[in-house]
């Protein structure tokens, strides 16, 4: 049916009907285009036939139902790399930001998803924050539906890749709002929140905010019996935070050593890598070091980590004195032998 509609050149007709003065016809046309936009083969074609400007026009002049179908169509069309720029250049950003506050719950869900897709583009993510998207997005993390919260966390994750955006989002209150979502009932929402925090915490000031918000304990608790994709996101955040020695006691208090050792055994390759690096950073903390020695995990870390990292930690701590018989072998693990 969809293929017949496209091959019969029905899309230009639908685009024209988006401009009809009858709201029911506008709504039906937007709904059909939204369905067509699911198909990856039609995304560029729909945009090429001029659908974007009338869809955007309906965001401010259509009924709520027309707005929902229009922004839903734009969300799907924005998956395509070229379409992202076309949609952003057509003036959609201010309307999306307005709808984050004024739209219905369903509209807000689609708006957050549209922003998420657009923000994959490095230039558009800067335009979004410049237009003021940060604060209404952060507010939606608290007030939105469960779907909206997940979509919004994912949008913040994409926007936060940019260094300046990290600061803008933090100033808008993104970090405590995302930390609260780490206790959400949905694992997918937790994962998107963790990955957003990972991007934000790369900025040291943001990392300090996260560490002081009690995020470390929550993150470590999420390493138990959770989907591996979620644990990978969580370990990304912890890996960013653990070099900061001011938080080492927080890690120890949250039983991080035993959790990381468990992940060395059961985690994915990425999780095992992050767990090993976290443990070696924690070896600078006496209590954590004592626990690692008692468990017997230190020789395993020597095998897993680059020699440069091992030697650096030895020089910074009393580990070389405690490691005794294992110390000489460290000096012969260099890749440059």
Protein backbone atom coordinates (compact mmCIF):
# COMPACT_ATOMS: atom_id res chain seq x y z
CA UNK A 1 0.00 0.00 0.00
CA UNK A 2 2.74 2.47 0.97
CA UNK A 3 4.83 1.50 -2.05
CA UNK A 4 1.86 1.99 -4.34
CA UNK A 5 1.25 5.44 -2.85
CA UNK A 6 4.85 6.47 -3.41
CA UNK A 7 5.18 5.03 -6.91
CA UNK A 8 1.90 6.69 -7.92
CA UNK A 9 3.48 10.03 -6.97
CA UNK A 10 1.15 10.43 -4.03
CA UNK A 11 3.66 12.18 -1.76
CA UNK A 12 3.48 15.57 -3.56
CA UNK A 13 -0.30 15.40 -3.21
CA UNK A 14 0.01 14.73 0.51
CA UNK A 15 2.43 17.64 0.84
CA UNK A 16 -0.07 19.92 -0.89
CA UNK A 17 -2.84 18.71 1.42
CA UNK A 18 -0.76 19.70 4.45
CA UNK A 19 -1.54 23.28 3.36
CA UNK A 20 -5.29 22.70 2.97
CA UNK A 21 -7.59 24.99 4.97
CA UNK A 22 -9.44 22.01 6.42
CA UNK A 23 -7.79 20.90 9.67
CA UNK A 24 -9.01 17.31 9.34
CA UNK A 25 -7.34 17.00 5.93
CA UNK A 26 -4.15 18.51 7.32
CA UNK A 27 -4.18 16.02 10.17
CA UNK A 28 -4.78 13.01 7.92
CA UNK A 29 -2.03 14.07 5.51
CA UNK A 30 0.47 14.54 8.34
CA UNK A 31 -0.51 11.15 9.75
CA UNK A 32 0.09 9.38 6.43
CA UNK A 33 3.42 11.13 5.87
CA UNK A 34 4.43 10.12 9.38
CA UNK A 35 3.71 6.49 8.56
CA UNK A 36 5.63 6.71 5.29
CA UNK A 37 8.59 8.28 7.11
CA UNK A 38 9.11 5.08 9.09
CA UNK A 39 10.51 3.49 5.93
CA UNK A 40 14.19 4.31 5.58
CA UNK A 41 13.88 4.29 1.79
CA UNK A 42 11.32 7.11 1.82
CA UNK A 43 12.94 9.59 4.22
CA UNK A 44 14.99 11.50 1.65
CA UNK A 45 12.22 11.29 -0.94
CA UNK A 46 9.61 12.84 1.36
CA UNK A 47 11.92 15.73 2.18
CA UNK A 48 12.84 16.20 -1.48
CA UNK A 49 9.14 16.59 -2.31
CA UNK A 50 8.91 19.59 0.03
CA UNK A 51 7.27 18.09 3.12
CA UNK A 52 9.41 19.84 5.72
CA UNK A 53 8.14 23.47 5.51
CA UNK A 54 4.41 22.61 5.75
CA UNK A 55 5.07 20.10 8.53
CA UNK A 56 6.91 22.79 10.48
CA UNK A 57 4.13 25.29 9.76
CA UNK A 58 1.63 22.95 11.42
CA UNK A 59 3.70 22.95 14.61
CA UNK A 60 2.49 26.48 15.26
CA UNK A 61 -0.78 26.62 13.30
CA UNK A 62 -2.24 23.12 13.42
CA UNK A 63 -4.51 21.35 15.89
CA UNK A 64 -2.90 19.35 18.67
CA UNK A 65 -3.44 16.18 16.67
CA UNK A 66 -1.86 17.74 13.56
CA UNK A 67 1.07 18.95 15.66
CA UNK A 68 1.56 15.47 17.09
CA UNK A 69 1.63 13.81 13.65
CA UNK A 70 3.78 16.57 12.16
CA UNK A 71 6.47 16.47 14.83
CA UNK A 72 6.28 12.67 14.78
CA UNK A 73 7.02 12.78 11.05
CA UNK A 74 9.86 15.24 11.54
CA UNK A 75 11.35 13.00 14.24
CA UNK A 76 11.44 10.08 11.81
CA UNK A 77 12.71 12.16 8.90
CA UNK A 78 15.52 13.58 11.09
CA UNK A 79 17.08 10.13 11.39
CA UNK A 80 18.62 10.75 7.97
CA UNK A 81 21.92 12.66 8.07
CA UNK A 82 21.13 15.11 5.26
CA UNK A 83 17.56 15.63 6.44
CA UNK A 84 18.80 16.85 9.84
CA UNK A 85 20.30 19.94 8.25
CA UNK A 86 17.32 20.53 5.98
CA UNK A 87 14.92 20.40 8.92
CA UNK A 88 17.05 22.61 11.17
CA UNK A 89 17.60 25.16 8.41
CA UNK A 90 13.86 25.38 7.84
CA UNK A 91 13.43 27.07 11.22
CA UNK A 92 12.18 24.21 13.37
CA UNK A 93 14.39 24.79 16.43
CA UNK A 94 12.48 27.69 18.10
CA UNK A 95 9.17 25.86 17.57
CA UNK A 96 10.51 22.66 19.11
CA UNK A 97 11.74 24.56 22.14
CA UNK A 98 8.35 26.24 22.57
CA UNK A 99 6.54 22.90 22.32
CA UNK A 100 8.74 21.45 25.06
CA UNK A 101 6.77 23.73 27.38
CA UNK A 102 3.39 24.15 25.69
CA UNK A 103 2.75 20.87 23.88
CA UNK A 104 0.68 17.94 25.05
CA UNK A 105 2.44 15.00 26.67
CA UNK A 106 2.53 13.10 23.36
CA UNK A 107 3.82 16.11 21.47
CA UNK A 108 6.59 16.59 24.05
CA UNK A 109 7.64 12.96 23.62
CA UNK A 110 8.05 13.44 19.87
CA UNK A 111 9.72 16.83 20.29
CA UNK A 112 12.34 15.33 22.61
CA UNK A 113 12.90 12.55 20.09
CA UNK A 114 13.26 15.06 17.26
CA UNK A 115 15.81 17.06 19.24
CA UNK A 116 17.67 13.84 20.03
CA UNK A 117 17.93 12.99 16.32
CA UNK A 118 18.86 16.51 15.23
CA UNK A 119 21.52 16.80 17.95
CA UNK A 120 23.60 14.03 16.42
CA UNK A 121 24.78 16.76 14.02
CA UNK A 122 27.74 18.66 15.60
CA UNK A 123 26.64 22.05 14.30
CA UNK A 124 22.95 21.63 15.14
CA UNK A 125 23.67 20.68 18.77
CA UNK A 126 25.37 24.08 19.16
CA UNK A 127 22.41 25.86 17.54
CA UNK A 128 20.04 24.09 19.91
CA UNK A 129 21.77 25.30 23.06
CA UNK A 130 22.23 28.78 21.61
CA UNK A 131 18.46 28.90 21.09
CA UNK A 132 17.83 27.99 24.75
CA UNK A 133 16.96 24.30 24.63
CA UNK A 134 18.80 23.36 27.84
CA UNK A 135 16.38 24.54 30.53
CA UNK A 136 13.12 23.17 29.02
CA UNK A 137 14.85 19.85 28.34
CA UNK A 138 16.03 19.61 31.94
CA UNK A 139 12.54 20.48 33.17
CA UNK A 140 11.10 17.67 31.04
CA UNK A 141 13.40 15.21 32.81
CA UNK A 142 11.23 15.84 35.87
CA UNK A 143 7.78 16.64 34.50
CA UNK A 144 7.57 14.49 31.37
CA UNK A 145 6.04 11.09 30.82
CA UNK A 146 8.27 8.03 31.12
CA UNK A 147 8.79 8.04 27.35
CA UNK A 148 9.58 11.76 27.36
CA UNK A 149 12.12 11.31 30.14
CA UNK A 150 13.98 8.60 28.23
CA UNK A 151 13.91 10.60 24.97
CA UNK A 152 15.06 13.73 26.80
CA UNK A 153 17.95 11.96 28.53
CA UNK A 154 19.01 10.65 25.12
CA UNK A 155 18.77 14.16 23.64
CA UNK A 156 20.93 15.56 26.45
CA UNK A 157 23.40 12.74 25.85
CA UNK A 158 23.82 13.87 22.23
CA UNK A 159 23.91 17.59 22.99
CA UNK A 160 26.51 17.09 25.75
CA UNK A 161 29.13 15.79 23.34
CA UNK A 162 30.09 19.42 22.72
CA UNK A 163 32.44 20.90 25.36
CA UNK A 164 30.61 24.21 25.78
CA UNK A 165 27.24 22.46 25.86
CA UNK A 166 28.40 20.41 28.85
CA UNK A 167 28.64 23.61 30.88
CA UNK A 168 25.34 25.03 29.57
CA UNK A 169 23.47 21.84 30.46
CA UNK A 170 25.07 21.67 33.91
CA UNK A 171 24.11 25.29 34.59
CA UNK A 172 20.53 24.38 33.69
CA UNK A 173 20.50 21.64 36.36
CA UNK A 174 20.90 18.58 34.13
CA UNK A 175 23.18 16.63 36.46
CA UNK A 176 20.94 16.31 39.56
CA UNK A 177 17.93 15.68 37.31
CA UNK A 178 19.75 12.84 35.52
CA UNK A 179 21.01 11.41 38.82
CA UNK A 180 17.39 11.17 40.00
CA UNK A 181 16.55 9.20 36.85
CA UNK A 182 19.13 6.58 37.80
CA UNK A 183 16.43 5.26 40.14
CA UNK A 184 13.76 5.19 37.41
CA UNK A 185 11.85 1.93 36.92
CA UNK A 186 12.91 1.66 33.26
CA UNK A 187 16.36 0.24 32.57
CA UNK A 188 16.45 2.01 29.20
CA UNK A 189 15.82 5.36 30.91
CA UNK A 190 18.57 4.57 33.42
CA UNK A 191 20.93 3.74 30.56
CA UNK A 192 20.27 6.95 28.64
CA UNK A 193 20.67 8.94 31.86
CA UNK A 194 23.98 7.22 32.63
CA UNK A 195 25.31 7.82 29.13
CA UNK A 196 24.26 11.48 29.32
CA UNK A 197 26.09 11.78 32.65
CA UNK A 198 29.14 10.12 31.06
CA UNK A 199 29.32 12.87 28.43
CA UNK A 200 28.68 15.61 30.97
CA UNK A 201 31.20 14.34 33.53
CA UNK A 202 34.09 14.58 31.07
CA UNK A 203 34.11 18.22 32.17
CA UNK A 204 35.90 18.20 35.53
CA UNK A 205 33.59 20.77 37.11
CA UNK A 206 30.61 18.68 36.08
CA UNK A 207 32.31 15.60 37.50
CA UNK A 208 32.61 17.38 40.82
CA UNK A 209 28.90 18.18 40.77
CA UNK A 210 28.04 14.56 40.00
CA UNK A 211 30.32 13.19 42.71
CA UNK A 212 28.83 15.56 45.26
CA UNK A 213 25.25 14.69 44.24
CA UNK A 214 25.60 11.15 45.56
CA UNK A 215 25.77 9.77 42.05
CA UNK A 216 28.66 7.39 42.71
CA UNK A 217 26.74 5.10 45.05
CA UNK A 218 23.73 5.01 42.72
CA UNK A 219 25.92 4.22 39.75
CA UNK A 220 27.71 1.37 41.52
CA UNK A 221 24.39 -0.09 42.66
CA UNK A 222 23.34 -0.24 38.99
CA UNK A 223 26.19 -2.65 38.26
CA UNK A 224 24.22 -5.49 39.92
CA UNK A 225 22.00 -7.72 37.78
CA UNK A 226 21.34 -5.16 35.05
CA UNK A 227 21.50 -5.36 31.23
CA UNK A 228 25.10 -5.16 30.03
CA UNK A 229 24.38 -2.11 27.86
CA UNK A 230 23.28 -0.25 31.01
CA UNK A 231 26.35 -1.38 32.93
CA UNK A 232 28.57 -0.18 30.07
CA UNK A 233 27.05 3.28 30.35
CA UNK A 234 27.43 3.27 34.13
CA UNK A 235 31.05 2.16 33.95
CA UNK A 236 31.74 4.95 31.48
CA UNK A 237 30.69 7.50 34.09
CA UNK A 238 32.63 5.82 36.90
CA UNK A 239 35.73 5.58 34.70
CA UNK A 240 35.57 9.36 34.18
CA UNK A 241 35.11 10.06 37.91
CA UNK A 242 37.61 7.65 39.47
CA UNK A 243 40.84 9.54 38.59
CA UNK A 244 39.66 12.28 40.97
CA UNK A 245 41.15 11.17 44.27
CA UNK A 246 38.70 13.30 46.29
CA UNK A 247 36.03 10.74 45.40
CA UNK A 248 38.00 7.60 46.24
CA UNK A 249 36.45 7.34 49.69
CA UNK A 250 33.00 7.53 48.08
CA UNK A 251 33.95 4.56 45.90
CA UNK A 252 35.22 2.61 48.90
CA UNK A 253 32.08 3.39 50.92
CA UNK A 254 29.94 2.08 48.05
CA UNK A 255 31.84 -1.27 47.98
CA UNK A 256 33.18 -0.45 44.54
CA UNK A 257 36.18 -2.77 44.73
CA UNK A 258 34.16 -5.97 45.06
CA UNK A 259 31.76 -4.79 42.34
CA UNK A 260 34.59 -4.01 39.93
CA UNK A 261 36.29 -7.33 40.63
CA UNK A 262 33.02 -9.11 39.85
CA UNK A 263 32.76 -7.19 36.57
CA UNK A 264 36.29 -8.27 35.64
CA UNK A 265 34.92 -11.78 35.56
CA UNK A 266 31.42 -11.31 34.15
CA UNK A 267 31.41 -8.05 32.19
CA UNK A 268 31.64 -7.37 28.48
CA UNK A 269 35.04 -6.44 27.02
CA UNK A 270 34.27 -2.74 27.49
CA UNK A 271 33.09 -3.25 31.07
CA UNK A 272 36.15 -5.35 31.93
CA UNK A 273 38.43 -2.64 30.52
CA UNK A 274 36.73 0.11 32.53
CA UNK A 275 36.62 -2.00 35.69
CA UNK A 276 40.36 -2.72 35.47
CA UNK A 277 41.18 0.96 35.01
CA UNK A 278 38.90 1.94 37.88
CA UNK A 279 40.53 -0.58 40.20
CA UNK A 280 44.01 0.58 39.36
CA UNK A 281 43.05 4.20 40.08
CA UNK A 282 41.56 3.10 43.39
CA UNK A 283 44.86 1.41 44.28
CA UNK A 284 45.99 4.89 45.37
CA UNK A 285 43.52 4.64 48.28
CA UNK A 286 44.86 2.61 51.20
CA UNK A 287 41.58 0.91 52.13
CA UNK A 288 40.86 -0.02 48.53
CA UNK A 289 44.42 -1.28 48.10
CA UNK A 290 44.14 -3.47 51.19
CA UNK A 291 40.92 -4.98 49.85
CA UNK A 292 42.50 -5.65 46.45
CA UNK A 293 45.49 -7.33 48.08
CA UNK A 294 43.23 -9.50 50.22
CA UNK A 295 41.20 -10.53 47.17
CA UNK A 296 44.36 -11.21 45.18
CA UNK A 297 43.31 -9.21 42.14
CA UNK A 298 46.47 -7.12 41.66
CA UNK A 299 48.42 -9.62 39.50
CA UNK A 300 45.41 -9.83 37.17
CA UNK A 301 45.37 -6.05 36.78
CA UNK A 302 49.04 -6.12 35.79
CA UNK A 303 48.14 -8.44 32.92
CA UNK A 304 45.15 -6.36 31.83
CA UNK A 305 46.58 -2.84 31.96
CA UNK A 306 49.28 -1.10 29.89
CA UNK A 307 52.69 -1.00 31.53
CA UNK A 308 52.75 2.80 31.49
CA UNK A 309 49.62 2.97 33.68
CA UNK A 310 51.01 0.39 36.10
CA UNK A 311 54.34 2.14 36.51
CA UNK A 312 52.67 5.54 36.94
CA UNK A 313 50.53 4.23 39.79
CA UNK A 314 53.53 2.58 41.41
CA UNK A 315 55.40 5.87 41.41
CA UNK A 316 52.45 7.73 42.95
CA UNK A 317 51.63 5.29 45.73
CA UNK A 318 53.07 2.90 48.25
CA UNK A 319 51.94 0.04 46.05
CA UNK A 320 55.47 -0.85 44.96
CA UNK A 321 56.38 -1.64 48.55
CA UNK A 322 53.27 -3.72 49.10
CA UNK A 323 53.39 -5.56 45.78
CA UNK A 324 56.72 -7.20 46.60
CA UNK A 325 57.34 -10.21 44.38
CA UNK A 326 55.13 -8.93 41.57
CA UNK A 327 56.93 -5.60 41.15
CA UNK A 328 59.88 -6.73 38.97
CA UNK A 329 57.60 -8.25 36.36
CA UNK A 330 55.91 -4.89 35.85
CA UNK A 331 59.01 -3.51 34.23
CA UNK A 332 58.98 -6.20 31.55
CA UNK A 333 55.42 -5.81 30.30
CA UNK A 334 56.10 -2.86 27.99
CA UNK A 335 54.72 -3.07 24.48
CA UNK A 336 57.97 -1.48 23.28
CA UNK A 337 60.16 -4.47 24.20
